[in-house]
Amino acid sequence: MIARERLMEMLRYEPQSGRLIWLKSWGRRRAGNVAGCHDKDGYIQVGLDGYRMKAHRIIWLIVYGELPSVDIDHIDRNPSNNILTNLRLATRSQNLINSGVPCTSTSGIKGATFSKQMKKWHSYIQKDKKHIFLGSFRTKEEAGLAYQQAARNLFGEFHMASPSLTNSLRIT
């Protein structure tokens, strides 16, 4: 783990842009250049002194003086948007609820899975490592809507409605 003092010696945070800027040149890095590169998930990672850290965690440490014991959530789901107003503390459950449709989804709608045995769409949600069955539905949209409503009730501000589902079903 890199000390806050070392990070502040080498990096400057620009709150308006959410970028980290090198303060000193070293190796191939040049003072004044943007620090970090994107990983496979879209997060910006910065390497320094043999350590690699996600930029949003460095920013939190620089701004608030300590690393949280919980997750740091990107409110808009954009992992490279490190503007301070886009970052908030979140439990693992809260952070996961504010994620998009999983890449393994066959329905394209978060919370909707098809049961071949029942020939119906099922909806589940998870909170605090507990799976909650929300019901069986005729359509994947109905299953997705049940998920959206449960997410809103269980997670409040951390719930973000799926744009495609919101547009087709007019969730309010």
N, C-alpha and C. Protein backbone atom coordinates (compact mmCIF):
# COMPACT_ATOMS: atom_id res chain seq x y z
N MET A 1 0.84 -1.18 0.00
CA MET A 1 0.00 0.00 0.00
C MET A 1 0.89 1.25 0.00
N ILE A 2 0.55 2.19 -0.83
CA ILE A 2 1.31 3.42 -0.96
C ILE A 2 0.78 4.45 0.06
N ALA A 3 1.67 5.12 0.74
CA ALA A 3 1.28 6.13 1.72
C ALA A 3 0.67 7.35 1.03
N ARG A 4 -0.28 7.97 1.70
CA ARG A 4 -0.94 9.16 1.17
C ARG A 4 0.08 10.25 0.83
N GLU A 5 1.07 10.42 1.69
CA GLU A 5 2.08 11.45 1.47
C GLU A 5 2.83 11.21 0.16
N ARG A 6 3.14 9.96 -0.12
CA ARG A 6 3.85 9.62 -1.36
C ARG A 6 2.96 9.90 -2.57
N LEU A 7 1.70 9.55 -2.47
CA LEU A 7 0.77 9.82 -3.56
C LEU A 7 0.67 11.31 -3.82
N MET A 8 0.57 12.10 -2.75
CA MET A 8 0.43 13.55 -2.90
C MET A 8 1.72 14.20 -3.40
N GLU A 9 2.84 13.55 -3.17
CA GLU A 9 4.12 14.02 -3.68
C GLU A 9 4.21 13.81 -5.19
N MET A 10 3.59 12.74 -5.67
CA MET A 10 3.71 12.35 -7.08
C MET A 10 2.50 12.70 -7.95
N LEU A 11 1.33 12.87 -7.33
CA LEU A 11 0.09 13.05 -8.10
C LEU A 11 -0.72 14.25 -7.61
N ARG A 12 -1.39 14.88 -8.55
CA ARG A 12 -2.34 15.95 -8.23
C ARG A 12 -3.71 15.50 -8.75
N TYR A 13 -4.73 15.72 -7.95
CA TYR A 13 -6.09 15.38 -8.37
C TYR A 13 -6.79 16.63 -8.88
N GLU A 14 -7.41 16.52 -10.05
CA GLU A 14 -8.20 17.61 -10.62
C GLU A 14 -9.68 17.28 -10.42
N PRO A 15 -10.33 17.90 -9.43
CA PRO A 15 -11.73 17.55 -9.12
C PRO A 15 -12.70 17.79 -10.29
N GLN A 16 -12.45 18.82 -11.11
CA GLN A 16 -13.38 19.13 -12.20
C GLN A 16 -13.37 18.06 -13.28
N SER A 17 -12.19 17.49 -13.56
CA SER A 17 -12.08 16.49 -14.62
C SER A 17 -12.06 15.07 -14.08
N GLY A 18 -11.73 14.92 -12.79
CA GLY A 18 -11.61 13.59 -12.20
C GLY A 18 -10.30 12.90 -12.53
N ARG A 19 -9.34 13.65 -13.08
CA ARG A 19 -8.07 13.05 -13.50
C ARG A 19 -6.98 13.21 -12.44
N LEU A 20 -6.06 12.26 -12.45
CA LEU A 20 -4.84 12.36 -11.67
C LEU A 20 -3.73 12.78 -12.62
N ILE A 21 -2.90 13.73 -12.19
CA ILE A 21 -1.84 14.29 -13.03
C ILE A 21 -0.51 14.06 -12.32
N TRP A 22 0.47 13.60 -13.09
CA TRP A 22 1.81 13.41 -12.52
C TRP A 22 2.41 14.76 -12.18
N LEU A 23 2.97 14.88 -10.98
CA LEU A 23 3.65 16.10 -10.56
C LEU A 23 5.14 16.07 -10.89
N LYS A 24 5.70 14.86 -10.95
CA LYS A 24 7.12 14.69 -11.23
C LYS A 24 7.30 13.69 -12.37
N SER A 25 8.35 13.91 -13.13
CA SER A 25 8.70 12.95 -14.19
C SER A 25 9.51 11.82 -13.58
N TRP A 26 9.24 10.61 -14.03
CA TRP A 26 10.05 9.45 -13.62
C TRP A 26 9.77 8.34 -14.61
N GLY A 27 10.80 7.61 -14.99
CA GLY A 27 10.63 6.57 -16.00
C GLY A 27 10.06 7.17 -17.27
N ARG A 28 9.03 6.54 -17.80
CA ARG A 28 8.36 7.05 -19.02
C ARG A 28 7.27 8.07 -18.70
N ARG A 29 7.02 8.28 -17.45
CA ARG A 29 5.97 9.23 -17.05
C ARG A 29 6.53 10.64 -17.01
N ARG A 30 5.74 11.59 -17.49
CA ARG A 30 6.18 12.98 -17.55
C ARG A 30 5.27 13.86 -16.70
N ALA A 31 5.90 14.78 -15.96
CA ALA A 31 5.14 15.74 -15.16
C ALA A 31 4.14 16.46 -16.06
N GLY A 32 2.92 16.61 -15.57
CA GLY A 32 1.87 17.28 -16.33
C GLY A 32 0.99 16.34 -17.13
N ASN A 33 1.42 15.09 -17.33
CA ASN A 33 0.62 14.11 -18.07
C ASN A 33 -0.41 13.45 -17.16
N VAL A 34 -1.47 12.97 -17.77
CA VAL A 34 -2.50 12.23 -17.04
C VAL A 34 -1.91 10.89 -16.60
N ALA A 35 -2.17 10.53 -15.35
CA ALA A 35 -1.66 9.28 -14.79
C ALA A 35 -2.66 8.15 -15.01
N GLY A 36 -2.13 6.96 -15.24
CA GLY A 36 -2.96 5.76 -15.28
C GLY A 36 -3.36 5.31 -16.66
N CYS A 37 -3.90 4.09 -16.69
CA CYS A 37 -4.43 3.52 -17.93
C CYS A 37 -5.64 2.66 -17.56
N HIS A 38 -6.47 2.41 -18.56
CA HIS A 38 -7.69 1.63 -18.33
C HIS A 38 -7.38 0.14 -18.22
N ASP A 39 -8.05 -0.52 -17.27
CA ASP A 39 -7.95 -1.98 -17.20
C ASP A 39 -9.07 -2.58 -18.05
N LYS A 40 -9.17 -3.89 -18.07
CA LYS A 40 -10.16 -4.57 -18.93
C LYS A 40 -11.60 -4.24 -18.56
N ASP A 41 -11.83 -3.77 -17.32
CA ASP A 41 -13.19 -3.43 -16.87
C ASP A 41 -13.50 -1.95 -17.00
N GLY A 42 -12.54 -1.16 -17.52
CA GLY A 42 -12.77 0.26 -17.72
C GLY A 42 -12.32 1.15 -16.58
N TYR A 43 -11.83 0.56 -15.50
CA TYR A 43 -11.31 1.36 -14.38
C TYR A 43 -9.92 1.88 -14.75
N ILE A 44 -9.59 3.05 -14.22
CA ILE A 44 -8.26 3.60 -14.43
C ILE A 44 -7.38 3.10 -13.29
N GLN A 45 -6.23 2.54 -13.66
CA GLN A 45 -5.28 2.04 -12.67
C GLN A 45 -3.98 2.84 -12.80
N VAL A 46 -3.37 3.08 -11.65
CA VAL A 46 -2.12 3.84 -11.61
C VAL A 46 -1.07 3.00 -10.92
N GLY A 47 0.10 2.91 -11.54
CA GLY A 47 1.22 2.18 -10.95
C GLY A 47 2.24 3.14 -10.38
N LEU A 48 2.68 2.85 -9.15
CA LEU A 48 3.69 3.68 -8.50
C LEU A 48 4.41 2.85 -7.45
N ASP A 49 5.72 2.90 -7.48
CA ASP A 49 6.56 2.21 -6.49
C ASP A 49 6.25 0.72 -6.38
N GLY A 50 5.96 0.09 -7.50
CA GLY A 50 5.68 -1.34 -7.51
C GLY A 50 4.26 -1.71 -7.12
N TYR A 51 3.41 -0.73 -6.83
CA TYR A 51 2.02 -0.99 -6.48
C TYR A 51 1.13 -0.52 -7.62
N ARG A 52 -0.01 -1.16 -7.75
CA ARG A 52 -1.00 -0.77 -8.74
C ARG A 52 -2.31 -0.56 -7.98
N MET A 53 -2.88 0.64 -8.13
CA MET A 53 -4.13 0.97 -7.44
C MET A 53 -5.12 1.56 -8.42
N LYS A 54 -6.39 1.33 -8.15
CA LYS A 54 -7.43 1.98 -8.95
C LYS A 54 -7.46 3.46 -8.60
N ALA A 55 -7.61 4.28 -9.62
CA ALA A 55 -7.56 5.73 -9.46
C ALA A 55 -8.60 6.24 -8.48
N HIS A 56 -9.80 5.69 -8.48
CA HIS A 56 -10.83 6.20 -7.58
C HIS A 56 -10.47 5.97 -6.12
N ARG A 57 -9.71 4.92 -5.83
CA ARG A 57 -9.26 4.67 -4.46
C ARG A 57 -8.12 5.63 -4.08
N ILE A 58 -7.24 5.93 -5.03
CA ILE A 58 -6.19 6.93 -4.79
C ILE A 58 -6.83 8.29 -4.52
N ILE A 59 -7.80 8.64 -5.32
CA ILE A 59 -8.48 9.92 -5.17
C ILE A 59 -9.13 10.02 -3.80
N TRP A 60 -9.81 8.95 -3.40
CA TRP A 60 -10.47 8.96 -2.08
C TRP A 60 -9.43 9.16 -0.98
N LEU A 61 -8.32 8.47 -1.09
CA LEU A 61 -7.25 8.58 -0.09
C LEU A 61 -6.66 10.00 -0.07
N ILE A 62 -6.43 10.58 -1.23
CA ILE A 62 -5.89 11.95 -1.30
C ILE A 62 -6.87 12.95 -0.69
N VAL A 63 -8.14 12.85 -1.08
CA VAL A 63 -9.15 13.84 -0.66
C VAL A 63 -9.54 13.68 0.80
N TYR A 64 -9.80 12.43 1.23
CA TYR A 64 -10.35 12.21 2.57
C TYR A 64 -9.33 11.70 3.59
N GLY A 65 -8.12 11.38 3.14
CA GLY A 65 -7.07 11.01 4.07
C GLY A 65 -7.04 9.57 4.50
N GLU A 66 -7.97 8.76 4.05
CA GLU A 66 -7.97 7.34 4.40
C GLU A 66 -8.74 6.53 3.36
N LEU A 67 -8.39 5.25 3.29
CA LEU A 67 -9.12 4.34 2.41
C LEU A 67 -10.29 3.76 3.20
N PRO A 68 -11.46 3.73 2.59
CA PRO A 68 -12.61 3.16 3.30
C PRO A 68 -12.53 1.64 3.36
N SER A 69 -13.22 1.07 4.33
CA SER A 69 -13.27 -0.39 4.45
C SER A 69 -14.37 -0.96 3.56
N VAL A 70 -15.18 -0.10 2.96
CA VAL A 70 -16.25 -0.53 2.05
C VAL A 70 -15.87 -0.14 0.62
N ASP A 71 -16.74 -0.44 -0.33
CA ASP A 71 -16.50 -0.13 -1.73
C ASP A 71 -16.66 1.37 -1.99
N ILE A 72 -16.09 1.81 -3.10
CA ILE A 72 -16.35 3.14 -3.63
C ILE A 72 -17.12 2.93 -4.92
N ASP A 73 -18.33 3.45 -4.97
CA ASP A 73 -19.24 3.24 -6.10
C ASP A 73 -19.17 4.43 -7.05
N HIS A 74 -19.19 4.14 -8.34
CA HIS A 74 -19.33 5.18 -9.36
C HIS A 74 -20.83 5.33 -9.62
N ILE A 75 -21.40 6.45 -9.22
CA ILE A 75 -22.85 6.66 -9.28
C ILE A 75 -23.38 6.45 -10.69
N ASP A 76 -22.69 6.97 -11.70
CA ASP A 76 -23.18 6.88 -13.08
C ASP A 76 -22.79 5.58 -13.79
N ARG A 77 -22.19 4.65 -13.04
CA ARG A 77 -21.75 3.34 -13.56
C ARG A 77 -20.58 3.43 -14.53
N ASN A 78 -20.02 4.59 -14.73
CA ASN A 78 -18.87 4.76 -15.63
C ASN A 78 -17.60 4.63 -14.80
N PRO A 79 -16.89 3.50 -14.90
CA PRO A 79 -15.74 3.27 -14.03
C PRO A 79 -14.55 4.19 -14.26
N SER A 80 -14.56 4.97 -15.33
CA SER A 80 -13.46 5.91 -15.55
C SER A 80 -13.86 7.34 -15.21
N ASN A 81 -15.09 7.56 -14.75
CA ASN A 81 -15.52 8.90 -14.35
C ASN A 81 -15.22 9.09 -12.86
N ASN A 82 -14.07 9.68 -12.58
CA ASN A 82 -13.62 9.84 -11.19
C ASN A 82 -13.81 11.24 -10.64
N ILE A 83 -14.79 11.96 -11.16
CA ILE A 83 -15.16 13.25 -10.58
C ILE A 83 -15.69 12.95 -9.19
N LEU A 84 -15.26 13.72 -8.20
CA LEU A 84 -15.57 13.43 -6.80
C LEU A 84 -17.07 13.29 -6.54
N THR A 85 -17.90 14.10 -7.19
CA THR A 85 -19.34 14.02 -6.97
C THR A 85 -19.95 12.74 -7.56
N ASN A 86 -19.16 11.99 -8.34
CA ASN A 86 -19.62 10.72 -8.91
C ASN A 86 -19.20 9.53 -8.05
N LEU A 87 -18.45 9.77 -7.00
CA LEU A 87 -17.96 8.70 -6.14
C LEU A 87 -18.68 8.74 -4.80
N ARG A 88 -19.05 7.56 -4.30
CA ARG A 88 -19.69 7.48 -2.98
C ARG A 88 -19.34 6.15 -2.33
N LEU A 89 -19.39 6.13 -1.02
CA LEU A 89 -19.15 4.89 -0.29
C LEU A 89 -20.37 3.99 -0.44
N ALA A 90 -20.12 2.69 -0.52
CA ALA A 90 -21.21 1.73 -0.70
C ALA A 90 -20.81 0.38 -0.12
N THR A 91 -21.79 -0.32 0.40
CA THR A 91 -21.55 -1.71 0.77
C THR A 91 -21.41 -2.51 -0.52
N ARG A 92 -20.98 -3.73 -0.42
CA ARG A 92 -20.86 -4.59 -1.61
C ARG A 92 -22.24 -4.74 -2.28
N SER A 93 -23.29 -4.96 -1.48
CA SER A 93 -24.64 -5.10 -2.05
C SER A 93 -25.07 -3.84 -2.77
N GLN A 94 -24.83 -2.67 -2.17
CA GLN A 94 -25.21 -1.41 -2.80
C GLN A 94 -24.43 -1.21 -4.10
N ASN A 95 -23.16 -1.53 -4.08
CA ASN A 95 -22.33 -1.36 -5.28
C ASN A 95 -22.80 -2.29 -6.40
N LEU A 96 -23.12 -3.52 -6.05
CA LEU A 96 -23.56 -4.48 -7.06
C LEU A 96 -24.93 -4.13 -7.64
N ILE A 97 -25.80 -3.55 -6.83
CA ILE A 97 -27.13 -3.20 -7.34
C ILE A 97 -27.00 -2.07 -8.37
N ASN A 98 -25.98 -1.24 -8.23
CA ASN A 98 -25.75 -0.15 -9.18
C ASN A 98 -24.81 -0.61 -10.29
N SER A 99 -25.11 -1.77 -10.85
CA SER A 99 -24.33 -2.28 -11.97
C SER A 99 -25.27 -2.59 -13.12
N GLY A 100 -24.71 -2.74 -14.27
CA GLY A 100 -25.51 -3.00 -15.45
C GLY A 100 -25.94 -4.46 -15.55
N VAL A 101 -26.48 -4.80 -16.69
CA VAL A 101 -26.90 -6.17 -16.96
C VAL A 101 -25.65 -7.04 -17.04
N PRO A 102 -25.61 -8.15 -16.32
CA PRO A 102 -24.43 -9.02 -16.38
C PRO A 102 -24.17 -9.53 -17.80
N CYS A 103 -22.91 -9.71 -18.13
CA CYS A 103 -22.56 -10.18 -19.48
C CYS A 103 -23.06 -11.60 -19.72
N THR A 104 -23.39 -12.32 -18.66
CA THR A 104 -23.88 -13.69 -18.79
C THR A 104 -25.40 -13.75 -18.98
N SER A 105 -26.04 -12.59 -18.94
CA SER A 105 -27.50 -12.54 -19.07
C SER A 105 -27.94 -12.98 -20.47
N THR A 106 -28.91 -13.87 -20.52
CA THR A 106 -29.47 -14.28 -21.81
C THR A 106 -30.70 -13.47 -22.17
N SER A 107 -31.30 -12.79 -21.16
CA SER A 107 -32.51 -12.01 -21.42
C SER A 107 -32.19 -10.59 -21.83
N GLY A 108 -31.02 -10.09 -21.41
CA GLY A 108 -30.69 -8.69 -21.67
C GLY A 108 -31.33 -7.75 -20.67
N ILE A 109 -32.03 -8.30 -19.68
CA ILE A 109 -32.69 -7.50 -18.66
C ILE A 109 -32.23 -7.97 -17.29
N LYS A 110 -31.74 -7.06 -16.49
CA LYS A 110 -31.25 -7.40 -15.16
C LYS A 110 -32.39 -7.95 -14.30
N GLY A 111 -32.14 -9.09 -13.69
CA GLY A 111 -33.12 -9.70 -12.80
C GLY A 111 -34.08 -10.66 -13.47
N ALA A 112 -33.97 -10.84 -14.77
CA ALA A 112 -34.90 -11.72 -15.49
C ALA A 112 -34.17 -12.95 -16.03
N THR A 113 -34.62 -14.13 -15.60
CA THR A 113 -34.06 -15.38 -16.11
C THR A 113 -35.21 -16.30 -16.50
N PHE A 114 -34.96 -17.07 -17.54
CA PHE A 114 -36.03 -17.95 -18.03
C PHE A 114 -35.87 -19.34 -17.43
N SER A 115 -36.99 -19.88 -16.92
CA SER A 115 -37.01 -21.24 -16.40
C SER A 115 -37.59 -22.15 -17.48
N LYS A 116 -36.74 -23.01 -18.05
CA LYS A 116 -37.21 -23.93 -19.08
C LYS A 116 -38.21 -24.92 -18.49
N GLN A 117 -37.96 -25.33 -17.27
CA GLN A 117 -38.84 -26.30 -16.61
C GLN A 117 -40.24 -25.72 -16.40
N MET A 118 -40.32 -24.48 -15.94
CA MET A 118 -41.62 -23.85 -15.66
C MET A 118 -42.19 -23.11 -16.87
N LYS A 119 -41.32 -22.88 -17.87
CA LYS A 119 -41.70 -22.12 -19.06
C LYS A 119 -42.23 -20.72 -18.68
N LYS A 120 -41.54 -20.12 -17.72
CA LYS A 120 -41.87 -18.76 -17.26
C LYS A 120 -40.58 -18.02 -16.96
N TRP A 121 -40.70 -16.71 -16.90
CA TRP A 121 -39.59 -15.86 -16.50
C TRP A 121 -39.60 -15.71 -14.99
N HIS A 122 -38.45 -15.87 -14.37
CA HIS A 122 -38.31 -15.71 -12.93
C HIS A 122 -37.48 -14.46 -12.64
N SER A 123 -37.72 -13.90 -11.48
CA SER A 123 -36.93 -12.75 -11.05
C SER A 123 -36.42 -13.00 -9.64
N TYR A 124 -35.14 -12.69 -9.45
CA TYR A 124 -34.47 -12.82 -8.16
C TYR A 124 -33.70 -11.54 -7.89
N ILE A 125 -33.48 -11.28 -6.61
CA ILE A 125 -32.60 -10.18 -6.22
C ILE A 125 -31.77 -10.69 -5.05
N GLN A 126 -30.63 -10.08 -4.85
CA GLN A 126 -29.76 -10.50 -3.75
C GLN A 126 -29.47 -9.32 -2.85
N LYS A 127 -29.55 -9.55 -1.55
CA LYS A 127 -29.18 -8.54 -0.56
C LYS A 127 -28.49 -9.23 0.60
N ASP A 128 -27.36 -8.71 1.00
CA ASP A 128 -26.60 -9.26 2.11
C ASP A 128 -26.38 -10.77 1.94
N LYS A 129 -25.99 -11.16 0.73
CA LYS A 129 -25.67 -12.55 0.37
C LYS A 129 -26.88 -13.49 0.45
N LYS A 130 -28.08 -12.94 0.47
CA LYS A 130 -29.30 -13.76 0.48
C LYS A 130 -30.05 -13.56 -0.83
N HIS A 131 -30.41 -14.67 -1.48
CA HIS A 131 -31.19 -14.61 -2.71
C HIS A 131 -32.67 -14.53 -2.35
N ILE A 132 -33.36 -13.60 -2.97
CA ILE A 132 -34.79 -13.41 -2.71
C ILE A 132 -35.53 -13.66 -4.02
N PHE A 133 -36.45 -14.62 -4.00
CA PHE A 133 -37.26 -14.92 -5.18
C PHE A 133 -38.40 -13.91 -5.25
N LEU A 134 -38.53 -13.24 -6.40
CA LEU A 134 -39.54 -12.19 -6.56
C LEU A 134 -40.78 -12.66 -7.31
N GLY A 135 -40.72 -13.83 -7.91
CA GLY A 135 -41.89 -14.36 -8.58
C GLY A 135 -41.64 -14.89 -9.97
N SER A 136 -42.71 -15.47 -10.54
CA SER A 136 -42.70 -15.98 -11.91
C SER A 136 -43.57 -15.07 -12.77
N PHE A 137 -43.15 -14.88 -14.03
CA PHE A 137 -43.83 -13.92 -14.88
C PHE A 137 -43.95 -14.44 -16.30
N ARG A 138 -44.93 -13.90 -17.04
CA ARG A 138 -45.15 -14.31 -18.42
C ARG A 138 -44.07 -13.77 -19.34
N THR A 139 -43.58 -12.56 -19.05
CA THR A 139 -42.59 -11.94 -19.94
C THR A 139 -41.33 -11.55 -19.17
N LYS A 140 -40.25 -11.40 -19.91
CA LYS A 140 -39.00 -10.98 -19.28
C LYS A 140 -39.10 -9.53 -18.79
N GLU A 141 -39.90 -8.72 -19.47
CA GLU A 141 -40.09 -7.34 -19.06
C GLU A 141 -40.78 -7.25 -17.70
N GLU A 142 -41.78 -8.12 -17.48
CA GLU A 142 -42.45 -8.15 -16.18
C GLU A 142 -41.49 -8.59 -15.08
N ALA A 143 -40.66 -9.57 -15.38
CA ALA A 143 -39.66 -10.04 -14.40
C ALA A 143 -38.66 -8.92 -14.11
N GLY A 144 -38.24 -8.22 -15.14
CA GLY A 144 -37.31 -7.10 -14.97
C GLY A 144 -37.93 -5.97 -14.15
N LEU A 145 -39.20 -5.70 -14.38
CA LEU A 145 -39.90 -4.66 -13.62
C LEU A 145 -39.98 -5.04 -12.14
N ALA A 146 -40.25 -6.31 -11.85
CA ALA A 146 -40.30 -6.78 -10.46
C ALA A 146 -38.93 -6.56 -9.80
N TYR A 147 -37.88 -6.85 -10.54
CA TYR A 147 -36.52 -6.64 -10.03
C TYR A 147 -36.28 -5.15 -9.75
N GLN A 148 -36.65 -4.30 -10.70
CA GLN A 148 -36.45 -2.85 -10.55
C GLN A 148 -37.18 -2.32 -9.31
N GLN A 149 -38.42 -2.76 -9.11
CA GLN A 149 -39.20 -2.30 -7.96
C GLN A 149 -38.58 -2.78 -6.65
N ALA A 150 -38.13 -4.03 -6.61
CA ALA A 150 -37.49 -4.57 -5.41
C ALA A 150 -36.19 -3.83 -5.14
N ALA A 151 -35.42 -3.56 -6.18
CA ALA A 151 -34.15 -2.85 -6.03
C ALA A 151 -34.39 -1.45 -5.47
N ARG A 152 -35.40 -0.78 -5.99
CA ARG A 152 -35.72 0.56 -5.50
C ARG A 152 -36.10 0.51 -4.02
N ASN A 153 -36.90 -0.48 -3.63
CA ASN A 153 -37.33 -0.61 -2.23
C ASN A 153 -36.18 -1.00 -1.31
N LEU A 154 -35.33 -1.91 -1.76
CA LEU A 154 -34.25 -2.42 -0.91
C LEU A 154 -33.03 -1.51 -0.86
N PHE A 155 -32.75 -0.79 -1.95
CA PHE A 155 -31.48 -0.06 -2.05
C PHE A 155 -31.61 1.43 -2.26
N GLY A 156 -32.82 1.93 -2.41
CA GLY A 156 -33.04 3.38 -2.50
C GLY A 156 -32.16 4.06 -3.52
N GLU A 157 -31.35 5.03 -3.06
CA GLU A 157 -30.53 5.85 -3.95
C GLU A 157 -29.52 5.06 -4.76
N PHE A 158 -29.17 3.85 -4.33
CA PHE A 158 -28.18 3.06 -5.06
C PHE A 158 -28.81 2.33 -6.24
N HIS A 159 -30.12 2.26 -6.25
CA HIS A 159 -30.81 1.63 -7.37
C HIS A 159 -30.77 2.56 -8.57
N MET A 160 -30.39 2.00 -9.70
CA MET A 160 -30.44 2.77 -10.94
C MET A 160 -31.23 1.95 -11.95
N ALA A 161 -32.33 2.51 -12.41
CA ALA A 161 -33.18 1.78 -13.35
C ALA A 161 -32.47 1.55 -14.66
N SER A 162 -32.74 0.41 -15.26
CA SER A 162 -32.20 0.09 -16.58
C SER A 162 -32.86 0.99 -17.61
N PRO A 163 -32.08 1.76 -18.40
CA PRO A 163 -32.67 2.67 -19.37
C PRO A 163 -33.60 1.99 -20.36
N SER A 164 -33.22 0.83 -20.90
CA SER A 164 -34.07 0.17 -21.90
C SER A 164 -35.38 -0.29 -21.28
N LEU A 165 -35.32 -0.81 -20.07
CA LEU A 165 -36.55 -1.26 -19.39
C LEU A 165 -37.39 -0.05 -18.99
N THR A 166 -36.74 1.00 -18.52
CA THR A 166 -37.45 2.22 -18.12
C THR A 166 -38.21 2.79 -19.30
N ASN A 167 -37.56 2.85 -20.45
CA ASN A 167 -38.21 3.44 -21.62
C ASN A 167 -39.38 2.60 -22.09
N SER A 168 -39.25 1.27 -22.03
CA SER A 168 -40.33 0.43 -22.55
C SER A 168 -41.49 0.30 -21.57
N LEU A 169 -41.22 0.45 -20.25
CA LEU A 169 -42.29 0.23 -19.27
C LEU A 169 -42.68 1.48 -18.50
N ARG A 170 -41.98 2.58 -18.74
CA ARG A 170 -42.27 3.85 -18.08
C ARG A 170 -42.24 3.74 -16.56
N ILE A 171 -41.12 3.30 -16.04
CA ILE A 171 -40.95 3.23 -14.58
C ILE A 171 -40.84 4.62 -14.03
N THR A 172 -41.54 4.90 -12.94
CA THR A 172 -41.46 6.22 -12.31
C THR A 172 -40.92 6.12 -10.92
